[in-house]
Every structure is written in structure tokens, then in C-alpha cells.
Amino acid sequence: MRQVLISLSSFGAAQVLRRGQLHFARLALEAGADGFEVRGELLNDPAAELPALAAEARARGCATVYSSPEGLWDPDGGLDRAALDRALAAAAQLGAPRLKMSIGGFSEASAAGFAPLAQALQGRGIELVIENDQTVAAGTLPALLAFFAAADRAGLPLGMTFDMGNWHWTGECPLASASACAQRVAYVHCKGVQRLPAKWVAVPLADSAAPWRAVLRRMPPGVPWAIEYPLVGDDLAGITRAQVAHLREVAGTPGGSA
């Protein structure tokens, strides 16, 4: 059965910062999710919160992902070893087998960073997955394909976190991107989108203006899907339970689970 996770940012930054990610991790699990994604940018006190989240995950036997808000390469195109070390340490403290980062300022001149990156990952038991973010440098198809090709040449094949909504922020076609990246995908951020006059906004899949079902059909079979769209309302537990159930229903629909 496909795992369905919830990115804890889905509950809103202000609320998560106020109540803590442990509160919302428990809510996610009680709503039927198979696990949760911890957001580094929403940790008030990582030294206290990460061990508590790790203990909860161990007790519940659930899946965890650590999401770093920092890019792997700095704006000058060098491997940001300090950011990488912080992310790996946090993932290890959480006990998360998967770490999500963007490529940051990677460029054609950045290939020398792959050797120290491979060395840093060796023996950690942590899978690094690269996300398409909402920037031109790290969220467009040409930039990501160039990065993955360079990683392959360096002998460091990496998987991808495919955020199905973020392509809209960078003006890319999510269907074309899904076809181009599908073989790399190890983890999917499920996100619907709508266009407001001045910007794109994230919405539940059922409210999306994008062809989200077609995108999901292009994803590899069995990879985890995570909710990463707003979960808000007076009955937050009920809303979350309904959204988890909806994603499970989509996964179980012929053609929907791919």
C-alpha cells in the first residue's frame, strides 16, 4: 500500500510555530497518515523538538522525512557544506531515512562539489532527494535536468522530490516535467494550485485548476505521496482525515495509483 504522509507546513506556518510540530504530527497520525514531514524552517527549538518528534515516530512506527529550507549549493556555486551538515544532523536526530533539499545555486561550474557530497552521505543511511522549488535557479526543468545529469556523471545518482504544484511558480508545465523526471522520483508532494490575479496559491487537489490526476499517473508506482497544501478549518482533525482518505482513494483508483 502506498504511504500517505503530511508535510507539517500544511497546517499553516503561524499555527505550527505557535503549537509546535509535535502537536501536528500527532494530529496527522491520528487522522490516518502513515507519517509526517518535519520542516526545518518551522522548528522553534530543534534541540528539543527533533528528539520529541523522533520518539513519537518510533512509538508509532511511522515514516518520517526531514525537509531542510537551505539549498545544497550556495549562491556562488559552491557546495554549502555547512547547510548540508546541518540538514544531515537534523535528519539523523529525527531518525528520518529521507532528507529533502533543493539544489540552491548549482551551476555548470559546481561539479567539484559532488565528491564531498558523496563523502558526506556515505554510511549515513539517509537518502537525499532533490526538490523542485519555486525559484528559477532550482525549480525549472532545464536547471534540474542539468543537475541530475551532472550528478550521474559524477557517479552520484540522486532521487527527486516531485512537487507537482511548484512548477506553476516557475512557469513550467507539470505534465511535461512529470514525463521528464518520472524515473527519478522517489517522493511526491501533492499540491493543487489556483491562479489569483497576482500570484499562484496552493489549494487541495479537488480544488485545483491543474491536471493533477494526469500528473500523478505519471509518477512511479509505490513511491510515497505527501499532502502539502493548506489544511485549515474549525474541525481540523476531520478535514485532515478527509484529505488523507481522499488521497488514499486516488491512489487506489485504477490509473490513479500508476
C-alpha atoms as a PDB file:
ATOM      1  CA  MET A   1       0.000   0.000   0.000  1.00  0.00           C
ATOM      2  CA  ARG A   2       1.283   3.427  -0.908  1.00  0.00           C
ATOM      3  CA  GLN A   3       2.320   5.565   2.054  1.00  0.00           C
ATOM      4  CA  VAL A   4       0.477   8.857   2.539  1.00  0.00           C
ATOM      5  CA  LEU A   5       2.345  11.448   4.591  1.00  0.00           C
ATOM      6  CA  ILE A   6       1.598  15.028   5.605  1.00  0.00           C
ATOM      7  CA  SER A   7       4.078  17.854   5.373  1.00  0.00           C
ATOM      8  CA  LEU A   8       3.567  19.673   8.666  1.00  0.00           C
ATOM      9  CA  SER A   9       3.744  23.033   6.890  1.00  0.00           C
ATOM     10  CA  SER A  10       0.272  22.185   5.563  1.00  0.00           C
ATOM     11  CA  PHE A  11      -1.199  23.263   8.889  1.00  0.00           C
ATOM     12  CA  GLY A  12      -0.002  26.836   8.421  1.00  0.00           C
ATOM     13  CA  ALA A  13       3.292  28.376   9.480  1.00  0.00           C
ATOM     14  CA  ALA A  14       1.826  30.589  12.196  1.00  0.00           C
ATOM     15  CA  GLN A  15      -0.092  27.758  13.847  1.00  0.00           C
ATOM     16  CA  VAL A  16       2.796  25.313  13.609  1.00  0.00           C
ATOM     17  CA  LEU A  17       5.242  27.784  15.110  1.00  0.00           C
ATOM     18  CA  ARG A  18       2.789  28.535  17.896  1.00  0.00           C
ATOM     19  CA  ARG A  19       1.824  24.969  18.836  1.00  0.00           C
ATOM     20  CA  GLY A  20       4.884  23.053  17.706  1.00  0.00           C
ATOM     21  CA  GLN A  21       5.326  20.335  15.098  1.00  0.00           C
ATOM     22  CA  LEU A  22       4.812  17.518  17.591  1.00  0.00           C
ATOM     23  CA  HIS A  23       1.195  18.598  18.091  1.00  0.00           C
ATOM     24  CA  PHE A  24       0.516  18.487  14.361  1.00  0.00           C
ATOM     25  CA  ALA A  25       2.486  15.277  13.836  1.00  0.00           C
ATOM     26  CA  ARG A  26       0.160  13.599  16.312  1.00  0.00           C
ATOM     27  CA  LEU A  27      -2.870  15.111  14.589  1.00  0.00           C
ATOM     28  CA  ALA A  28      -1.628  13.831  11.224  1.00  0.00           C
ATOM     29  CA  LEU A  29      -1.149  10.301  12.537  1.00  0.00           C
ATOM     30  CA  GLU A  30      -4.495  10.275  14.314  1.00  0.00           C
ATOM     31  CA  ALA A  31      -6.085  11.319  11.012  1.00  0.00           C
ATOM     32  CA  GLY A  32      -4.697   8.203   9.353  1.00  0.00           C
ATOM     33  CA  ALA A  33      -1.470   9.423   7.756  1.00  0.00           C
ATOM     34  CA  ASP A  34       1.407   6.966   7.530  1.00  0.00           C
ATOM     35  CA  GLY A  35       3.937   9.573   8.566  1.00  0.00           C
ATOM     36  CA  PHE A  36       4.940  13.207   8.533  1.00  0.00           C
ATOM     37  CA  GLU A  37       7.492  15.571   7.055  1.00  0.00           C
ATOM     38  CA  VAL A  38       9.250  17.818   9.553  1.00  0.00           C
ATOM     39  CA  ARG A  39      10.016  21.318   8.314  1.00  0.00           C
ATOM     40  CA  GLY A  40      13.315  22.807   9.383  1.00  0.00           C
ATOM     41  CA  GLU A  41      12.085  26.376   8.931  1.00  0.00           C
ATOM     42  CA  LEU A  42       9.251  25.770  11.410  1.00  0.00           C
ATOM     43  CA  LEU A  43      11.328  24.453  14.295  1.00  0.00           C
ATOM     44  CA  ASN A  44      11.452  26.848  17.242  1.00  0.00           C
ATOM     45  CA  ASP A  45      13.905  24.746  19.253  1.00  0.00           C
ATOM     46  CA  PRO A  46      15.400  21.934  17.158  1.00  0.00           C
ATOM     47  CA  ALA A  47      17.417  20.521  20.062  1.00  0.00           C
ATOM     48  CA  ALA A  48      14.213  19.859  21.986  1.00  0.00           C
ATOM     49  CA  GLU A  49      11.701  19.287  19.190  1.00  0.00           C
ATOM     50  CA  LEU A  50      13.605  16.822  16.999  1.00  0.00           C
ATOM     51  CA  PRO A  51      14.141  14.219  19.762  1.00  0.00           C
ATOM     52  CA  ALA A  52      10.471  14.515  20.771  1.00  0.00           C
ATOM     53  CA  LEU A  53       9.368  14.028  17.164  1.00  0.00           C
ATOM     54  CA  ALA A  54      11.761  11.094  16.812  1.00  0.00           C
ATOM     55  CA  ALA A  55      10.328   9.457  19.935  1.00  0.00           C
ATOM     56  CA  GLU A  56       6.789   9.891  18.591  1.00  0.00           C
ATOM     57  CA  ALA A  57       7.764   8.357  15.254  1.00  0.00           C
ATOM     58  CA  ARG A  58       9.434   5.375  16.947  1.00  0.00           C
ATOM     59  CA  ALA A  59       6.462   4.806  19.210  1.00  0.00           C
ATOM     60  CA  ARG A  60       4.036   4.906  16.293  1.00  0.00           C
ATOM     61  CA  GLY A  61       6.255   3.095  13.786  1.00  0.00           C
ATOM     62  CA  CYS A  62       5.603   5.781  11.208  1.00  0.00           C
ATOM     63  CA  ALA A  63       7.536   7.232   8.276  1.00  0.00           C
ATOM     64  CA  THR A  64       9.457  10.490   8.618  1.00  0.00           C
ATOM     65  CA  VAL A  65      11.093  12.931   6.220  1.00  0.00           C
ATOM     66  CA  TYR A  66      13.234  15.920   7.147  1.00  0.00           C
ATOM     67  CA  SER A  67      12.890  18.995   4.929  1.00  0.00           C
ATOM     68  CA  SER A  68      15.746  21.488   5.006  1.00  0.00           C
ATOM     69  CA  PRO A  69      14.971  25.067   3.961  1.00  0.00           C
ATOM     70  CA  GLU A  70      18.564  25.521   2.777  1.00  0.00           C
ATOM     71  CA  GLY A  71      19.979  24.853  -0.671  1.00  0.00           C
ATOM     72  CA  LEU A  72      22.793  22.373  -1.294  1.00  0.00           C
ATOM     73  CA  TRP A  73      24.885  24.847  -3.263  1.00  0.00           C
ATOM     74  CA  ASP A  74      25.499  28.436  -2.219  1.00  0.00           C
ATOM     75  CA  PRO A  75      24.776  31.459  -4.460  1.00  0.00           C
ATOM     76  CA  ASP A  76      28.374  31.395  -5.736  1.00  0.00           C
ATOM     77  CA  GLY A  77      28.023  27.798  -6.938  1.00  0.00           C
ATOM     78  CA  GLY A  78      29.991  26.056  -4.210  1.00  0.00           C
ATOM     79  CA  LEU A  79      28.702  23.134  -2.160  1.00  0.00           C
ATOM     80  CA  ASP A  80      27.286  24.613   1.043  1.00  0.00           C
ATOM     81  CA  ARG A  81      28.853  22.074   3.361  1.00  0.00           C
ATOM     82  CA  ALA A  82      27.597  23.836   6.490  1.00  0.00           C
ATOM     83  CA  ALA A  83      23.982  23.686   5.251  1.00  0.00           C
ATOM     84  CA  LEU A  84      24.421  20.039   4.269  1.00  0.00           C
ATOM     85  CA  ASP A  85      25.909  19.139   7.641  1.00  0.00           C
ATOM     86  CA  ARG A  86      23.067  20.903   9.471  1.00  0.00           C
ATOM     87  CA  ALA A  87      20.478  19.068   7.392  1.00  0.00           C
ATOM     88  CA  LEU A  88      22.111  15.661   7.835  1.00  0.00           C
ATOM     89  CA  ALA A  89      22.454  16.189  11.586  1.00  0.00           C
ATOM     90  CA  ALA A  90      18.781  17.158  11.873  1.00  0.00           C
ATOM     91  CA  ALA A  91      17.655  14.176   9.787  1.00  0.00           C
ATOM     92  CA  ALA A  92      19.761  11.872  11.947  1.00  0.00           C
ATOM     93  CA  GLN A  93      18.357  13.367  15.138  1.00  0.00           C
ATOM     94  CA  LEU A  94      14.843  12.842  13.784  1.00  0.00           C
ATOM     95  CA  GLY A  95      15.710   9.320  12.689  1.00  0.00           C
ATOM     96  CA  ALA A  96      14.466  10.185   9.215  1.00  0.00           C
ATOM     97  CA  PRO A  97      15.688   7.936   6.397  1.00  0.00           C
ATOM     98  CA  ARG A  98      14.947  10.645   3.821  1.00  0.00           C
ATOM     99  CA  LEU A  99      16.280  14.220   3.587  1.00  0.00           C
ATOM    100  CA  LYS A 100      14.772  16.748   1.191  1.00  0.00           C
ATOM    101  CA  MET A 101      16.766  19.720  -0.110  1.00  0.00           C
ATOM    102  CA  SER A 102      16.831  21.955  -3.186  1.00  0.00           C
ATOM    103  CA  ILE A 103      19.916  22.417  -5.351  1.00  0.00           C
ATOM    104  CA  GLY A 104      20.249  26.092  -4.460  1.00  0.00           C
ATOM    105  CA  GLY A 105      22.893  27.899  -6.560  1.00  0.00           C
ATOM    106  CA  PHE A 106      24.191  24.909  -8.528  1.00  0.00           C
ATOM    107  CA  SER A 107      25.685  25.814 -11.905  1.00  0.00           C
ATOM    108  CA  GLU A 108      27.824  24.269 -14.628  1.00  0.00           C
ATOM    109  CA  ALA A 109      30.910  25.159 -12.586  1.00  0.00           C
ATOM    110  CA  SER A 110      29.662  23.347  -9.466  1.00  0.00           C
ATOM    111  CA  ALA A 111      30.568  19.762 -10.334  1.00  0.00           C
ATOM    112  CA  ALA A 112      33.530  19.694  -7.941  1.00  0.00           C
ATOM    113  CA  GLY A 113      31.023  19.614  -5.087  1.00  0.00           C
ATOM    114  CA  PHE A 114      29.780  16.123  -5.895  1.00  0.00           C
ATOM    115  CA  ALA A 115      32.787  14.339  -4.394  1.00  0.00           C
ATOM    116  CA  PRO A 116      32.441  15.916  -0.928  1.00  0.00           C
ATOM    117  CA  LEU A 117      28.665  15.487  -1.164  1.00  0.00           C
ATOM    118  CA  ALA A 118      29.059  11.762  -1.806  1.00  0.00           C
ATOM    119  CA  GLN A 119      31.542  11.526   1.054  1.00  0.00           C
ATOM    120  CA  ALA A 120      29.152  13.293   3.428  1.00  0.00           C
ATOM    121  CA  LEU A 121      26.309  10.926   2.516  1.00  0.00           C
ATOM    122  CA  GLN A 122      28.357   7.726   2.716  1.00  0.00           C
ATOM    123  CA  GLY A 123      27.315   5.391   5.501  1.00  0.00           C
ATOM    124  CA  ARG A 124      24.623   7.720   6.842  1.00  0.00           C
ATOM    125  CA  GLY A 125      21.638   5.613   5.887  1.00  0.00           C
ATOM    126  CA  ILE A 126      19.914   8.807   4.758  1.00  0.00           C
ATOM    127  CA  GLU A 127      18.526   9.175   1.239  1.00  0.00           C
ATOM    128  CA  LEU A 128      18.940  12.681  -0.201  1.00  0.00           C
ATOM    129  CA  VAL A 129      16.096  13.664  -2.510  1.00  0.00           C
ATOM    130  CA  ILE A 130      16.189  16.862  -4.553  1.00  0.00           C
ATOM    131  CA  GLU A 131      13.066  19.012  -4.745  1.00  0.00           C
ATOM    132  CA  ASN A 132      11.991  21.382  -7.482  1.00  0.00           C
ATOM    133  CA  ASP A 133      11.430  24.580  -5.534  1.00  0.00           C
ATOM    134  CA  GLN A 134       9.763  27.833  -6.632  1.00  0.00           C
ATOM    135  CA  THR A 135      12.918  29.536  -7.959  1.00  0.00           C
ATOM    136  CA  VAL A 136      14.281  29.758 -11.487  1.00  0.00           C
ATOM    137  CA  ALA A 137      17.704  28.511 -10.374  1.00  0.00           C
ATOM    138  CA  ALA A 138      16.431  25.398  -8.604  1.00  0.00           C
ATOM    139  CA  GLY A 139      12.883  24.866  -9.805  1.00  0.00           C
ATOM    140  CA  THR A 140      12.922  24.832 -13.593  1.00  0.00           C
ATOM    141  CA  LEU A 141      13.187  21.702 -15.696  1.00  0.00           C
ATOM    142  CA  PRO A 142      16.399  22.689 -17.540  1.00  0.00           C
ATOM    143  CA  ALA A 143      18.166  23.511 -14.258  1.00  0.00           C
ATOM    144  CA  LEU A 144      17.130  20.242 -12.636  1.00  0.00           C
ATOM    145  CA  LEU A 145      17.887  18.053 -15.636  1.00  0.00           C
ATOM    146  CA  ALA A 146      21.348  19.639 -15.872  1.00  0.00           C
ATOM    147  CA  PHE A 147      21.919  18.950 -12.181  1.00  0.00           C
ATOM    148  CA  PHE A 148      20.818  15.328 -12.339  1.00  0.00           C
ATOM    149  CA  ALA A 149      22.911  14.714 -15.470  1.00  0.00           C
ATOM    150  CA  ALA A 150      25.966  16.169 -13.707  1.00  0.00           C
ATOM    151  CA  ALA A 151      25.290  14.046 -10.627  1.00  0.00           C
ATOM    152  CA  ASP A 152      25.068  10.936 -12.797  1.00  0.00           C
ATOM    153  CA  ARG A 153      28.373  11.754 -14.478  1.00  0.00           C
ATOM    154  CA  ALA A 154      29.926  12.151 -11.035  1.00  0.00           C
ATOM    155  CA  GLY A 155      28.689   8.700 -10.028  1.00  0.00           C
ATOM    156  CA  LEU A 156      26.139  10.047  -7.545  1.00  0.00           C
ATOM    157  CA  PRO A 157      22.641   9.318  -8.868  1.00  0.00           C
ATOM    158  CA  LEU A 158      20.074  11.085  -6.719  1.00  0.00           C
ATOM    159  CA  GLY A 159      16.328  10.750  -6.401  1.00  0.00           C
ATOM    160  CA  MET A 160      13.815  13.551  -6.651  1.00  0.00           C
ATOM    161  CA  THR A 161      11.032  15.018  -4.585  1.00  0.00           C
ATOM    162  CA  PHE A 162       8.496  15.965  -7.259  1.00  0.00           C
ATOM    163  CA  ASP A 163       6.424  18.916  -6.076  1.00  0.00           C
ATOM    164  CA  MET A 164       3.573  18.870  -8.546  1.00  0.00           C
ATOM    165  CA  GLY A 165       2.461  22.428  -7.740  1.00  0.00           C
ATOM    166  CA  ASN A 166       5.764  24.284  -7.712  1.00  0.00           C
ATOM    167  CA  TRP A 167       6.175  24.066 -11.499  1.00  0.00           C
ATOM    168  CA  HIS A 168       3.460  26.705 -11.850  1.00  0.00           C
ATOM    169  CA  TRP A 169       5.502  29.244  -9.868  1.00  0.00           C
ATOM    170  CA  THR A 170       8.394  28.872 -12.330  1.00  0.00           C
ATOM    171  CA  GLY A 171       6.225  28.836 -15.457  1.00  0.00           C
ATOM    172  CA  GLU A 172       6.857  25.181 -16.260  1.00  0.00           C
ATOM    173  CA  CYS A 173       4.408  22.545 -17.482  1.00  0.00           C
ATOM    174  CA  PRO A 174       3.822  19.997 -14.706  1.00  0.00           C
ATOM    175  CA  LEU A 175       2.847  17.260 -17.167  1.00  0.00           C
ATOM    176  CA  ALA A 176       5.971  17.711 -19.283  1.00  0.00           C
ATOM    177  CA  SER A 177       8.068  17.844 -16.119  1.00  0.00           C
ATOM    178  CA  ALA A 178       6.430  14.680 -14.826  1.00  0.00           C
ATOM    179  CA  SER A 179       7.277  12.841 -18.035  1.00  0.00           C
ATOM    180  CA  ALA A 180      10.865  14.101 -17.998  1.00  0.00           C
ATOM    181  CA  CYS A 181      11.526  13.391 -14.313  1.00  0.00           C
ATOM    182  CA  ALA A 182       9.402  10.334 -13.545  1.00  0.00           C
ATOM    183  CA  GLN A 183      12.299   7.866 -13.455  1.00  0.00           C
ATOM    184  CA  ARG A 184      13.972   9.993 -10.766  1.00  0.00           C
ATOM    185  CA  VAL A 185      11.004  10.460  -8.479  1.00  0.00           C
ATOM    186  CA  ALA A 186      11.256   8.924  -5.013  1.00  0.00           C
ATOM    187  CA  TYR A 187       8.734  11.101  -3.183  1.00  0.00           C
ATOM    188  CA  VAL A 188       5.811  13.276  -4.301  1.00  0.00           C
ATOM    189  CA  HIS A 189       4.476  16.499  -2.836  1.00  0.00           C
ATOM    190  CA  CYS A 190       0.782  16.547  -3.723  1.00  0.00           C
ATOM    191  CA  LYS A 191      -0.315  20.144  -4.167  1.00  0.00           C
ATOM    192  CA  GLY A 192      -3.220  21.679  -6.030  1.00  0.00           C
ATOM    193  CA  VAL A 193      -2.983  25.215  -7.405  1.00  0.00           C
ATOM    194  CA  GLN A 194      -5.213  28.112  -8.354  1.00  0.00           C
ATOM    195  CA  ARG A 195      -4.280  31.356 -10.036  1.00  0.00           C
ATOM    196  CA  LEU A 196      -5.159  34.610  -8.303  1.00  0.00           C
ATOM    197  CA  PRO A 197      -4.729  37.918 -10.152  1.00  0.00           C
ATOM    198  CA  ALA A 198      -1.205  38.463  -8.826  1.00  0.00           C
ATOM    199  CA  LYS A 199       0.038  35.015  -7.827  1.00  0.00           C
ATOM    200  CA  TRP A 200      -0.394  31.254  -7.653  1.00  0.00           C
ATOM    201  CA  VAL A 201      -1.725  29.754  -4.420  1.00  0.00           C
ATOM    202  CA  ALA A 202      -1.717  26.203  -3.093  1.00  0.00           C
ATOM    203  CA  VAL A 203      -5.111  24.510  -2.654  1.00  0.00           C
ATOM    204  CA  PRO A 204      -6.447  20.989  -2.021  1.00  0.00           C
ATOM    205  CA  LEU A 205      -6.266  18.723  -5.035  1.00  0.00           C
ATOM    206  CA  ALA A 206     -10.031  18.667  -5.541  1.00  0.00           C
ATOM    207  CA  ASP A 207      -9.999  22.470  -5.929  1.00  0.00           C
ATOM    208  CA  SER A 208      -7.019  22.581  -8.274  1.00  0.00           C
ATOM    209  CA  ALA A 209      -7.026  24.183 -11.701  1.00  0.00           C
ATOM    210  CA  ALA A 210      -4.143  21.904 -12.753  1.00  0.00           C
ATOM    211  CA  PRO A 211      -4.347  18.388 -14.282  1.00  0.00           C
ATOM    212  CA  TRP A 212      -3.253  16.756 -11.044  1.00  0.00           C
ATOM    213  CA  ARG A 213      -4.643  13.296 -11.772  1.00  0.00           C
ATOM    214  CA  ALA A 214      -2.680  13.100 -15.032  1.00  0.00           C
ATOM    215  CA  VAL A 215       0.477  14.196 -13.210  1.00  0.00           C
ATOM    216  CA  LEU A 216       0.044  11.532 -10.526  1.00  0.00           C
ATOM    217  CA  ARG A 217      -0.494   8.875 -13.189  1.00  0.00           C
ATOM    218  CA  ARG A 218       2.996   9.637 -14.499  1.00  0.00           C
ATOM    219  CA  MET A 219       4.623   9.060 -11.116  1.00  0.00           C
ATOM    220  CA  PRO A 220       6.397   5.746 -10.405  1.00  0.00           C
ATOM    221  CA  PRO A 221       4.377   3.038  -8.660  1.00  0.00           C
ATOM    222  CA  GLY A 222       4.661   2.775  -4.925  1.00  0.00           C
ATOM    223  CA  VAL A 223       6.524   6.000  -4.105  1.00  0.00           C
ATOM    224  CA  PRO A 224       5.167   7.892  -1.047  1.00  0.00           C
ATOM    225  CA  TRP A 225       2.783  10.789  -1.563  1.00  0.00           C
ATOM    226  CA  ALA A 226       2.659  13.694   0.876  1.00  0.00           C
ATOM    227  CA  ILE A 227      -0.056  16.284   1.350  1.00  0.00           C
ATOM    228  CA  GLU A 228       1.474  19.744   1.010  1.00  0.00           C
ATOM    229  CA  TYR A 229      -1.473  22.082   0.677  1.00  0.00           C
ATOM    230  CA  PRO A 230      -3.416  24.057   3.282  1.00  0.00           C
ATOM    231  CA  LEU A 231      -5.282  22.036   5.904  1.00  0.00           C
ATOM    232  CA  VAL A 232      -7.400  24.591   7.720  1.00  0.00           C
ATOM    233  CA  GLY A 233     -10.832  24.783   9.335  1.00  0.00           C
ATOM    234  CA  ASP A 234     -12.702  24.560  12.610  1.00  0.00           C
ATOM    235  CA  ASP A 235     -12.752  20.759  12.527  1.00  0.00           C
ATOM    236  CA  LEU A 236      -9.085  20.361  11.639  1.00  0.00           C
ATOM    237  CA  ALA A 237      -8.953  16.692  12.614  1.00  0.00           C
ATOM    238  CA  GLY A 238     -11.968  15.918  10.428  1.00  0.00           C
ATOM    239  CA  ILE A 239     -10.613  17.928   7.488  1.00  0.00           C
ATOM    240  CA  THR A 240      -7.243  16.214   7.729  1.00  0.00           C
ATOM    241  CA  ARG A 241      -8.857  12.782   7.961  1.00  0.00           C
ATOM    242  CA  ALA A 242     -10.943  13.531   4.866  1.00  0.00           C
ATOM    243  CA  GLN A 243      -7.932  14.695   2.864  1.00  0.00           C
ATOM    244  CA  VAL A 244      -5.886  11.624   3.793  1.00  0.00           C
ATOM    245  CA  ALA A 245      -8.829   9.421   2.818  1.00  0.00           C
ATOM    246  CA  HIS A 246      -9.172  11.278  -0.500  1.00  0.00           C
ATOM    247  CA  LEU A 247      -5.524  10.755  -1.372  1.00  0.00           C
ATOM    248  CA  ARG A 248      -5.791   7.067  -0.488  1.00  0.00           C
ATOM    249  CA  GLU A 249      -8.857   6.822  -2.709  1.00  0.00           C
ATOM    250  CA  VAL A 250      -6.954   8.432  -5.604  1.00  0.00           C
ATOM    251  CA  ALA A 251      -4.052   6.043  -5.046  1.00  0.00           C
ATOM    252  CA  GLY A 252      -6.393   3.087  -5.166  1.00  0.00           C
ATOM    253  CA  THR A 253      -8.252   4.190  -8.292  1.00  0.00           C
ATOM    254  CA  PRO A 254      -7.302   2.280 -11.457  1.00  0.00           C
ATOM    255  CA  GLY A 255      -4.897   4.574 -13.300  1.00  0.00           C
ATOM    256  CA  GLY A 256      -4.658   6.861 -10.291  1.00  0.00           C
ATOM    257  CA  SER A 257      -2.016   4.855  -8.474  1.00  0.00           C
ATOM    258  CA  ALA A 258       0.135   4.380 -11.593  1.00  0.00           C
END
